């Protein structure tokens, strides 16, 4: 494995800062999330510039190595740090954190296809205001665990080990009763997912005790289990960053008692419960905590990215590093063994999918009002005149429309519709060619309006 410090295409000098290159600048307590297979990296929030929290969104194109700050419609979240931000498809779900004075319990969604902030209508029993919690997505369920808050009675510090689930389709919160022995109350831990498992690592509690334990929640049975790990054991820490790549969880940095900061790299094989301390080639990040990371695979095969953080002098950092793991995903290993003809067919399918993402023929505007994602219905059959065009009224601010199917070419669907009195025609691509007779109505071909937009973020 090897480290690589990222240099920017806009940079005039090798050591130019991210801010000078159009990026977020010095930042800690922020989040970064990749979409489009690792092509675009979204950095949101955090503390640093002007010594205060921010709610700015910056986008890094990992292919062009350039930063942009897109214009975002809608009402943005309040500036914050120590929040969570979770991918749900190409939407980013932001929850909680602190604005520097108050703890937060609000939920906001960034629709990256339309660059619109959404404030969904939520119900149920949600988490109390908190920071330093963790979030993870399993299926369509968003899990929130732990964190730090304040008692509503006497304003005393409260450390949580409770668990909440948000249904990302109905926007209903639920407090979950689990079995087994849960992790002790903590904040500044990390949370990752592998298959149906949620993995909690480290953190600190109200006594400033730091952990190195690993707990796994089976999200089907809601049972906690502490993982009995072996190998070169991880030292206790909090404020570290974890990135999952298949069955491997990478852990970098963090802090412990006596203000000791780490610049070490570990990997945990979840299947074998084995820790490995990694010595990577090249010059890596300095010791730090409260950095953010994610995986850029498959756009950059086997590459992880780490952004910013805070150093021992409590100064925000603005550097970005790639970690080249050299790991190939299991499905890629299987592809290498395929005959050339099958490889060629798969390559053509991938090109069709890319065309569908980046060069869609239909552009649909989205209202900036509070709204929730809604599906696109595709009905009718090629050449049929029995199904007229229809455009439904907006549903909580986001238009839903029905389109007539003009042509079905296996994995390509030509549709027509009318929006705001303007006739539009577009093409949708599916990774799985249809085997259903026409007419049809299949959820595998549903799209939101935003999905028909171009996949490239618009610069601001």
Protein backbone atom coordinates (compact mmCIF):
# COMPACT_ATOMS: atom_id res chain seq x y z
CA UNK A 1 0.00 0.00 0.00
CA UNK A 2 1.11 3.56 -0.54
CA UNK A 3 0.09 7.12 0.32
CA UNK A 4 -0.25 9.92 -2.24
CA UNK A 5 -0.83 13.57 -1.39
CA UNK A 6 -3.38 14.99 -3.82
CA UNK A 7 -2.33 17.88 -6.05
CA UNK A 8 -5.00 19.91 -7.81
CA UNK A 9 -5.34 20.74 -11.49
CA UNK A 10 -6.08 24.39 -10.58
CA UNK A 11 -2.91 24.61 -8.49
CA UNK A 12 -0.19 26.98 -9.66
CA UNK A 13 2.19 25.63 -7.03
CA UNK A 14 2.55 22.05 -5.70
CA UNK A 15 1.77 23.06 -2.11
CA UNK A 16 -1.29 25.16 -2.97
CA UNK A 17 -4.08 24.81 -0.37
CA UNK A 18 -7.51 23.36 -1.12
CA UNK A 19 -9.05 26.80 -0.59
CA UNK A 20 -6.70 28.41 -3.13
CA UNK A 21 -7.69 25.63 -5.54
CA UNK A 22 -11.40 26.39 -5.04
CA UNK A 23 -11.93 23.80 -2.32
CA UNK A 24 -13.18 23.91 1.28
CA UNK A 25 -9.92 25.01 2.88
CA UNK A 26 -8.93 24.05 6.42
CA UNK A 27 -11.59 21.91 8.04
CA UNK A 28 -12.26 19.47 10.88
CA UNK A 29 -15.49 17.87 12.09
CA UNK A 30 -16.72 17.82 8.48
CA UNK A 31 -18.00 14.91 6.38
CA UNK A 32 -17.08 13.66 2.91
CA UNK A 33 -19.16 11.32 0.77
CA UNK A 34 -18.56 9.92 -2.70
CA UNK A 35 -21.19 9.40 -5.40
CA UNK A 36 -21.18 8.07 -8.95
CA UNK A 37 -18.82 5.23 -8.09
CA UNK A 38 -16.26 7.53 -6.50
CA UNK A 39 -16.24 10.15 -9.28
CA UNK A 40 -17.45 13.05 -7.10
CA UNK A 41 -16.52 13.73 -3.48
CA UNK A 42 -18.91 15.97 -1.53
CA UNK A 43 -17.48 17.80 1.50
CA UNK A 44 -20.04 19.37 3.84
CA UNK A 45 -19.87 21.40 7.04
CA UNK A 46 -17.16 21.33 9.65
CA UNK A 47 -15.14 23.92 11.58
CA UNK A 48 -12.15 25.86 10.33
CA UNK A 49 -12.47 28.84 8.04
CA UNK A 50 -12.89 32.07 10.03
CA UNK A 51 -12.79 29.91 13.18
CA UNK A 52 -16.45 28.96 12.97
CA UNK A 53 -18.78 26.30 11.65
CA UNK A 54 -19.88 26.28 8.01
CA UNK A 55 -22.69 24.81 5.92
CA UNK A 56 -20.91 25.10 2.59
CA UNK A 57 -20.81 22.25 0.07
CA UNK A 58 -17.70 21.67 -2.04
CA UNK A 59 -17.33 18.99 -4.72
CA UNK A 60 -14.07 17.37 -5.79
CA UNK A 61 -13.93 15.69 -9.20
CA UNK A 62 -11.58 12.77 -8.58
CA UNK A 63 -10.94 12.29 -12.30
CA UNK A 64 -10.21 15.89 -13.26
CA UNK A 65 -8.67 16.63 -9.83
CA UNK A 66 -10.63 19.90 -9.61
CA UNK A 67 -12.82 21.56 -6.96
CA UNK A 68 -16.14 23.30 -7.48
CA UNK A 69 -18.70 24.94 -5.22
CA UNK A 70 -22.09 24.29 -6.81
CA UNK A 71 -25.09 26.54 -6.32
CA UNK A 72 -27.46 24.67 -4.01
CA UNK A 73 -31.19 25.43 -4.10
CA UNK A 74 -33.53 25.05 -1.13
CA UNK A 75 -33.04 25.89 2.54
CA UNK A 76 -29.62 24.70 3.76
CA UNK A 77 -28.93 23.20 7.20
CA UNK A 78 -27.51 25.51 9.84
CA UNK A 79 -23.68 25.62 9.92
CA UNK A 80 -22.37 22.70 11.99
CA UNK A 81 -19.61 20.26 12.83
CA UNK A 82 -19.53 16.77 14.36
CA UNK A 83 -22.65 15.77 12.42
CA UNK A 84 -23.21 12.65 10.34
CA UNK A 85 -23.73 12.48 6.57
CA UNK A 86 -24.81 9.23 4.94
CA UNK A 87 -25.26 8.16 1.32
CA UNK A 88 -28.74 6.95 0.43
CA UNK A 89 -28.32 6.39 -3.28
CA UNK A 90 -27.13 9.75 -4.60
CA UNK A 91 -28.87 11.61 -1.77
CA UNK A 92 -26.87 12.68 1.31
CA UNK A 93 -28.69 12.50 4.68
CA UNK A 94 -27.28 15.01 7.21
CA UNK A 95 -28.24 14.56 10.86
CA UNK A 96 -27.38 16.38 14.09
CA UNK A 97 -24.07 17.89 15.14
CA UNK A 98 -23.48 21.23 16.84
CA UNK A 99 -23.58 24.84 15.66
CA UNK A 100 -21.05 25.80 18.32
CA UNK A 101 -23.66 26.87 20.86
CA UNK A 102 -26.46 24.32 20.53
CA UNK A 103 -26.70 20.61 19.85
CA UNK A 104 -28.83 19.71 16.83
CA UNK A 105 -31.35 16.97 16.03
CA UNK A 106 -32.52 18.04 12.58
CA UNK A 107 -32.45 16.02 9.37
CA UNK A 108 -31.65 17.44 5.94
CA UNK A 109 -31.19 15.79 2.55
CA UNK A 110 -28.92 16.99 -0.23
CA UNK A 111 -30.21 15.75 -3.58
CA UNK A 112 -26.98 15.68 -5.57
CA UNK A 113 -28.75 15.11 -8.89
CA UNK A 114 -30.51 18.49 -8.68
CA UNK A 115 -28.28 20.16 -6.06
CA UNK A 116 -31.25 20.91 -3.84
CA UNK A 117 -31.53 20.85 -0.06
CA UNK A 118 -34.65 19.00 1.12
CA UNK A 119 -36.26 19.28 4.56
CA UNK A 120 -38.38 16.11 4.79
CA UNK A 121 -41.47 15.82 6.95
CA UNK A 122 -40.49 13.27 9.60
CA UNK A 123 -42.44 11.48 12.33
CA UNK A 124 -41.90 8.90 15.06
CA UNK A 125 -39.49 8.86 17.99
CA UNK A 126 -36.19 10.31 16.80
CA UNK A 127 -32.83 10.81 18.53
CA UNK A 128 -32.26 13.62 21.02
CA UNK A 129 -29.98 16.44 19.88
CA UNK A 130 -26.38 15.20 19.80
CA UNK A 131 -22.92 15.41 18.29
CA UNK A 132 -20.14 12.87 17.88
CA UNK A 133 -22.65 10.14 17.05
CA UNK A 134 -22.33 7.70 14.16
CA UNK A 135 -24.60 6.79 11.26
CA UNK A 136 -24.77 3.85 8.87
CA UNK A 137 -27.08 2.69 6.11
CA UNK A 138 -28.22 -0.94 5.83
CA UNK A 139 -30.68 -1.47 3.02
CA UNK A 140 -33.14 1.40 3.27
CA UNK A 141 -32.67 1.91 7.00
CA UNK A 142 -30.48 4.68 8.41
CA UNK A 143 -29.02 3.75 11.81
CA UNK A 144 -27.95 6.40 14.37
CA UNK A 145 -25.89 5.21 17.34
CA UNK A 146 -24.42 6.89 20.42
CA UNK A 147 -23.01 10.39 20.68
CA UNK A 148 -22.88 13.20 23.21
CA UNK A 149 -25.78 15.37 24.38
CA UNK A 150 -27.22 17.41 27.23
CA UNK A 151 -29.76 16.42 29.87
CA UNK A 152 -33.02 18.37 29.36
CA UNK A 153 -33.43 18.66 33.14
CA UNK A 154 -30.12 20.01 34.43
CA UNK A 155 -28.00 20.53 31.27
CA UNK A 156 -25.53 17.87 32.43
CA UNK A 157 -23.48 15.98 29.87
CA UNK A 158 -25.06 12.77 28.57
CA UNK A 159 -23.24 10.05 26.65
CA UNK A 160 -25.52 7.76 24.64
CA UNK A 161 -25.50 4.14 23.55
CA UNK A 162 -29.03 4.17 22.18
CA UNK A 163 -29.98 3.13 18.67
CA UNK A 164 -32.46 4.74 16.29
CA UNK A 165 -33.56 3.79 12.79
CA UNK A 166 -34.94 6.11 10.13
CA UNK A 167 -36.93 4.54 7.32
CA UNK A 168 -35.53 6.48 4.36
CA UNK A 169 -38.70 5.95 2.31
CA UNK A 170 -41.39 6.85 4.87
CA UNK A 171 -39.22 9.19 6.99
CA UNK A 172 -40.42 7.60 10.21
CA UNK A 173 -38.00 7.37 13.17
CA UNK A 174 -38.03 4.41 15.53
CA UNK A 175 -36.11 3.80 18.74
CA UNK A 176 -34.84 0.23 18.64
CA UNK A 177 -34.75 -2.27 21.50
CA UNK A 178 -31.77 -4.57 21.01
CA UNK A 179 -30.58 -7.81 22.59
CA UNK A 180 -27.09 -8.86 23.57
CA UNK A 181 -24.64 -6.53 25.30
CA UNK A 182 -24.45 -3.16 23.51
CA UNK A 183 -21.35 -0.93 23.40
CA UNK A 184 -21.05 1.28 26.48
CA UNK A 185 -22.16 4.94 26.06
CA UNK A 186 -19.64 6.82 23.91
CA UNK A 187 -18.94 9.54 21.37
CA UNK A 188 -16.33 10.16 18.66
CA UNK A 189 -16.39 6.46 17.79
CA UNK A 190 -16.74 5.17 14.23
CA UNK A 191 -19.41 3.13 12.54
CA UNK A 192 -19.14 1.06 9.37
CA UNK A 193 -21.24 -1.54 7.58
CA UNK A 194 -20.52 -4.88 5.99
CA UNK A 195 -23.37 -6.93 4.52
CA UNK A 196 -26.15 -6.74 7.16
CA UNK A 197 -23.74 -5.89 9.99
CA UNK A 198 -23.06 -2.54 11.64
CA UNK A 199 -19.56 -2.24 13.13
CA UNK A 200 -18.76 0.18 15.98
CA UNK A 201 -15.09 0.84 16.81
CA UNK A 202 -13.51 2.82 19.65
CA UNK A 203 -14.63 6.19 21.02
CA UNK A 204 -14.53 7.83 24.46
CA UNK A 205 -16.93 8.07 27.41
CA UNK A 206 -17.84 10.60 30.11
CA UNK A 207 -14.75 9.64 32.17
CA UNK A 208 -12.44 10.40 29.22
CA UNK A 209 -11.81 6.67 28.94
CA UNK A 210 -10.85 5.66 25.41
CA UNK A 211 -11.89 2.40 23.75
CA UNK A 212 -10.44 0.02 21.18
CA UNK A 213 -13.26 -2.51 21.32
CA UNK A 214 -15.23 -3.68 18.27
CA UNK A 215 -18.98 -4.30 18.50
CA UNK A 216 -21.15 -5.73 15.74
CA UNK A 217 -24.91 -5.32 15.43
CA UNK A 218 -26.78 -7.90 13.36
CA UNK A 219 -29.38 -5.61 11.79
CA UNK A 220 -31.70 -8.55 11.02
CA UNK A 221 -31.94 -9.82 14.60
CA UNK A 222 -30.97 -6.55 16.35
CA UNK A 223 -28.47 -8.42 18.51
CA UNK A 224 -25.18 -6.88 19.66
CA UNK A 225 -21.99 -8.92 19.89
CA UNK A 226 -18.48 -7.85 20.88
CA UNK A 227 -15.96 -9.11 18.35
CA UNK A 228 -13.10 -11.09 19.85
CA UNK A 229 -10.26 -9.79 17.70
CA UNK A 230 -6.70 -11.05 17.26
CA UNK A 231 -3.56 -9.82 15.52
CA UNK A 232 -1.70 -6.53 15.99
CA UNK A 233 -4.33 -4.90 18.19
CA UNK A 234 -5.61 -1.37 17.70
CA UNK A 235 -4.65 1.05 20.49
CA UNK A 236 -7.56 2.79 22.30
CA UNK A 237 -8.67 5.97 20.55
CA UNK A 238 -11.44 8.38 19.58
CA UNK A 239 -11.85 10.85 16.74
CA UNK A 240 -10.38 8.39 14.25
CA UNK A 241 -11.60 7.87 10.69
CA UNK A 242 -12.75 4.56 9.24
CA UNK A 243 -13.40 3.56 5.63
CA UNK A 244 -14.86 0.19 4.67
CA UNK A 245 -13.68 -1.60 1.55
CA UNK A 246 -15.43 -4.93 1.21
CA UNK A 247 -14.80 -6.97 4.35
CA UNK A 248 -11.88 -4.74 5.37
CA UNK A 249 -12.29 -1.75 7.70
CA UNK A 250 -9.42 0.75 7.51
CA UNK A 251 -8.77 2.90 10.61
CA UNK A 252 -6.58 6.00 10.54
CA UNK A 253 -5.55 8.52 13.19
CA UNK A 254 -7.46 9.66 16.26
CA UNK A 255 -6.45 10.70 19.78
CA UNK A 256 -6.21 9.26 23.28
CA UNK A 257 -5.37 10.40 26.83
CA UNK A 258 -2.72 13.07 27.43
CA UNK A 259 -3.56 14.67 24.06
CA UNK A 260 -1.68 11.99 22.17
CA UNK A 261 -2.52 11.94 18.47
CA UNK A 262 -2.04 9.01 16.09
CA UNK A 263 -0.75 8.88 12.54
CA UNK A 264 -1.03 5.09 12.25
CA UNK A 265 -3.02 2.94 9.86
CA UNK A 266 -4.78 -0.31 10.76
CA UNK A 267 -7.01 -2.71 8.90
CA UNK A 268 -9.59 -5.08 10.39
CA UNK A 269 -10.68 -8.17 8.48
CA UNK A 270 -14.25 -8.49 9.74
CA UNK A 271 -14.60 -12.11 8.59
CA UNK A 272 -11.51 -13.37 10.42
CA UNK A 273 -11.68 -10.73 13.22
CA UNK A 274 -7.97 -9.99 12.65
CA UNK A 275 -6.23 -6.63 13.09
CA UNK A 276 -3.21 -5.74 10.96
CA UNK A 277 -1.00 -2.68 11.40
CA UNK A 278 -0.19 -1.33 7.96
CA UNK A 279 3.11 0.23 6.94
CA UNK A 280 2.36 2.11 3.75
CA UNK A 281 4.93 3.51 1.34
CA UNK A 282 5.18 7.22 0.70
CA UNK A 283 4.58 10.18 2.98
CA UNK A 284 1.17 9.95 4.60
CA UNK A 285 -0.96 12.36 6.63
CA UNK A 286 0.42 13.83 9.84
CA UNK A 287 -1.03 12.82 13.22
CA UNK A 288 -4.60 14.13 13.43
CA UNK A 289 -8.20 13.56 14.48
CA UNK A 290 -11.67 14.56 13.21
CA UNK A 291 -10.73 13.97 9.59
CA UNK A 292 -13.12 12.50 7.03
CA UNK A 293 -12.69 9.66 4.57
CA UNK A 294 -14.42 7.55 1.95
CA UNK A 295 -13.78 5.03 -0.83
CA UNK A 296 -13.23 6.07 -4.47
CA UNK A 297 -13.59 2.59 -5.97
CA UNK A 298 -14.38 1.76 -8.78
CA UNK A 299 -13.53 5.10 -10.45
CA UNK A 300 -10.15 4.87 -8.72
CA UNK A 301 -9.71 1.15 -8.19
CA UNK A 302 -8.83 0.25 -4.60
CA UNK A 303 -8.24 3.88 -3.57
CA UNK A 304 -9.43 5.52 -0.32
CA UNK A 305 -9.42 9.27 0.33
CA UNK A 306 -8.85 11.19 3.59
CA UNK A 307 -9.63 14.91 3.91
CA UNK A 308 -8.55 17.53 6.47
CA UNK A 309 -8.69 17.07 10.25
CA UNK A 310 -7.21 18.74 13.33
CA UNK A 311 -3.59 18.60 14.52
CA UNK A 312 -1.96 18.55 17.96
CA UNK A 313 -2.01 22.38 18.13
CA UNK A 314 -5.80 22.27 17.54
CA UNK A 315 -5.34 23.80 14.09
CA UNK A 316 -7.56 22.75 11.19
CA UNK A 317 -5.85 21.06 8.23
CA UNK A 318 -6.65 21.26 4.51
CA UNK A 319 -4.62 18.50 2.88
CA UNK A 320 -6.03 15.49 1.05
CA UNK A 321 -4.42 12.06 0.73
CA UNK A 322 -5.15 8.99 -1.37
CA UNK A 323 -4.41 5.57 0.08
CA UNK A 324 -3.71 3.08 -2.71
CA UNK A 325 -4.67 -0.22 -1.08
CA UNK A 326 -3.96 -2.49 -4.03
CA UNK A 327 -7.09 -4.44 -3.07
CA UNK A 328 -9.37 -5.67 -5.85
CA UNK A 329 -13.04 -6.20 -5.07
CA UNK A 330 -14.27 -9.79 -5.23
CA UNK A 331 -16.53 -9.14 -8.23
CA UNK A 332 -13.56 -7.70 -10.14
CA UNK A 333 -11.52 -10.79 -9.34
CA UNK A 334 -14.33 -12.92 -10.79
CA UNK A 335 -14.48 -10.72 -13.89
CA UNK A 336 -10.79 -11.32 -14.58
CA UNK A 337 -11.57 -15.03 -15.03
CA UNK A 338 -14.38 -14.48 -17.56
CA UNK A 339 -13.95 -15.27 -21.27
CA UNK A 340 -13.11 -12.28 -23.47
CA UNK A 341 -16.54 -12.30 -25.15
CA UNK A 342 -18.34 -11.96 -21.81
CA UNK A 343 -15.92 -9.22 -20.73
CA UNK A 344 -16.72 -7.31 -23.93
CA UNK A 345 -20.47 -7.63 -23.31
CA UNK A 346 -20.11 -6.33 -19.75
CA UNK A 347 -17.99 -3.41 -20.96
CA UNK A 348 -20.72 -2.42 -23.43
CA UNK A 349 -23.33 -2.56 -20.66
CA UNK A 350 -21.17 -0.33 -18.42
CA UNK A 351 -20.80 2.20 -21.26
CA UNK A 352 -24.57 2.27 -21.70
CA UNK A 353 -25.01 2.89 -17.98
CA UNK A 354 -22.49 5.73 -18.07
CA UNK A 355 -24.35 7.29 -21.00
CA UNK A 356 -27.58 7.01 -19.05
CA UNK A 357 -26.05 8.84 -16.06
CA UNK A 358 -24.06 11.52 -17.81
CA UNK A 359 -25.95 12.28 -21.02
CA UNK A 360 -29.62 11.85 -20.24
CA UNK A 361 -31.85 13.61 -22.76
CA UNK A 362 -34.50 14.80 -20.30
CA UNK A 363 -33.82 17.69 -17.92
CA UNK A 364 -36.40 18.20 -15.18
CA UNK A 365 -36.37 21.11 -12.73
CA UNK A 366 -37.04 20.48 -9.03
CA UNK A 367 -38.77 22.86 -6.67
CA UNK A 368 -36.75 24.29 -3.79
CA UNK A 369 -39.63 23.81 -1.40
CA UNK A 370 -39.63 21.04 1.22
CA UNK A 371 -40.16 17.79 -0.60
CA UNK A 372 -39.48 14.07 -0.59
CA UNK A 373 -38.17 11.84 -3.36
CA UNK A 374 -40.95 10.33 -5.50
CA UNK A 375 -40.82 7.74 -8.29
CA UNK A 376 -41.30 8.17 -12.02
CA UNK A 377 -43.94 5.86 -13.47
CA UNK A 378 -43.36 4.41 -16.93
CA UNK A 379 -46.48 2.95 -18.47
CA UNK A 380 -47.84 1.89 -21.84
CA UNK A 381 -46.16 0.05 -24.67
CA UNK A 382 -44.24 0.96 -27.81
CA UNK A 383 -46.44 2.58 -30.43
CA UNK A 384 -49.54 2.44 -28.26
CA UNK A 385 -51.84 5.48 -28.34
CA UNK A 386 -54.12 4.17 -25.58
CA UNK A 387 -52.09 5.78 -22.79
CA UNK A 388 -52.04 9.60 -23.02
CA UNK A 389 -49.35 11.83 -21.58
CA UNK A 390 -49.99 12.89 -18.01
CA UNK A 391 -48.22 15.21 -15.61
CA UNK A 392 -49.28 14.89 -11.99
CA UNK A 393 -49.43 17.77 -9.56
CA UNK A 394 -46.27 18.31 -7.46
CA UNK A 395 -45.99 16.03 -4.43
CA UNK A 396 -44.68 18.10 -1.51
CA UNK A 397 -42.74 20.28 -3.91
CA UNK A 398 -41.18 17.67 -6.23
CA UNK A 399 -42.98 16.98 -9.54
CA UNK A 400 -43.92 13.43 -10.40
CA UNK A 401 -44.81 12.64 -13.97
CA UNK A 402 -45.84 9.65 -16.05
CA UNK A 403 -44.30 8.90 -19.41
CA UNK A 404 -45.32 6.81 -22.40
CA UNK A 405 -42.93 4.05 -23.45
CA UNK A 406 -42.01 4.45 -27.13
CA UNK A 407 -39.42 1.70 -27.54
CA UNK A 408 -37.98 -1.15 -25.51
CA UNK A 409 -34.58 -2.36 -26.73
CA UNK A 410 -33.68 -4.84 -24.00
CA UNK A 411 -31.72 -2.63 -21.60
CA UNK A 412 -32.75 0.71 -23.17
CA UNK A 413 -36.14 2.40 -22.85
CA UNK A 414 -37.23 5.39 -24.93
CA UNK A 415 -39.92 7.47 -23.22
CA UNK A 416 -42.00 10.56 -24.04
CA UNK A 417 -43.81 12.96 -21.74
CA UNK A 418 -44.96 16.57 -21.43
CA UNK A 419 -43.70 18.84 -18.64
CA UNK A 420 -44.87 22.44 -18.32
CA UNK A 421 -46.43 22.17 -21.77
CA UNK A 422 -43.16 21.14 -23.40
CA UNK A 423 -42.91 17.70 -25.05
CA UNK A 424 -39.81 15.80 -23.96
CA UNK A 425 -38.24 12.54 -25.04
CA UNK A 426 -35.56 10.66 -23.11
CA UNK A 427 -33.72 7.36 -22.83
CA UNK A 428 -33.37 5.26 -19.67
CA UNK A 429 -30.83 2.47 -19.33
CA UNK A 430 -31.06 -0.60 -17.14
CA UNK A 431 -28.18 -2.81 -16.02
CA UNK A 432 -30.51 -5.80 -16.44
CA UNK A 433 -32.26 -6.16 -19.82
CA UNK A 434 -36.00 -6.63 -19.44
CA UNK A 435 -37.44 -10.13 -19.87
CA UNK A 436 -40.98 -8.95 -19.13
CA UNK A 437 -43.64 -8.77 -21.87
CA UNK A 438 -45.15 -5.38 -22.67
CA UNK A 439 -47.09 -3.58 -21.37
CA UNK A 440 -45.29 -3.60 -18.03
CA UNK A 441 -44.88 -1.73 -14.75
CA UNK A 442 -41.66 -2.66 -12.99
CA UNK A 443 -39.98 -1.05 -9.99
CA UNK A 444 -36.60 -1.91 -11.52
CA UNK A 445 -37.17 0.88 -14.00
CA UNK A 446 -38.44 3.56 -11.66
CA UNK A 447 -36.55 6.84 -11.59
CA UNK A 448 -36.93 10.10 -9.75
CA UNK A 449 -36.96 13.32 -11.69
CA UNK A 450 -33.46 14.05 -10.43
CA UNK A 451 -32.12 10.78 -11.86
CA UNK A 452 -32.80 12.10 -15.37
CA UNK A 453 -30.45 15.02 -14.81
CA UNK A 454 -26.82 15.07 -15.82
CA UNK A 455 -24.45 13.32 -13.47
CA UNK A 456 -21.89 16.16 -13.46
CA UNK A 457 -22.11 18.68 -10.60
CA UNK A 458 -22.67 22.24 -11.77
CA UNK A 459 -20.11 24.70 -10.56
CA UNK A 460 -21.20 27.73 -8.64
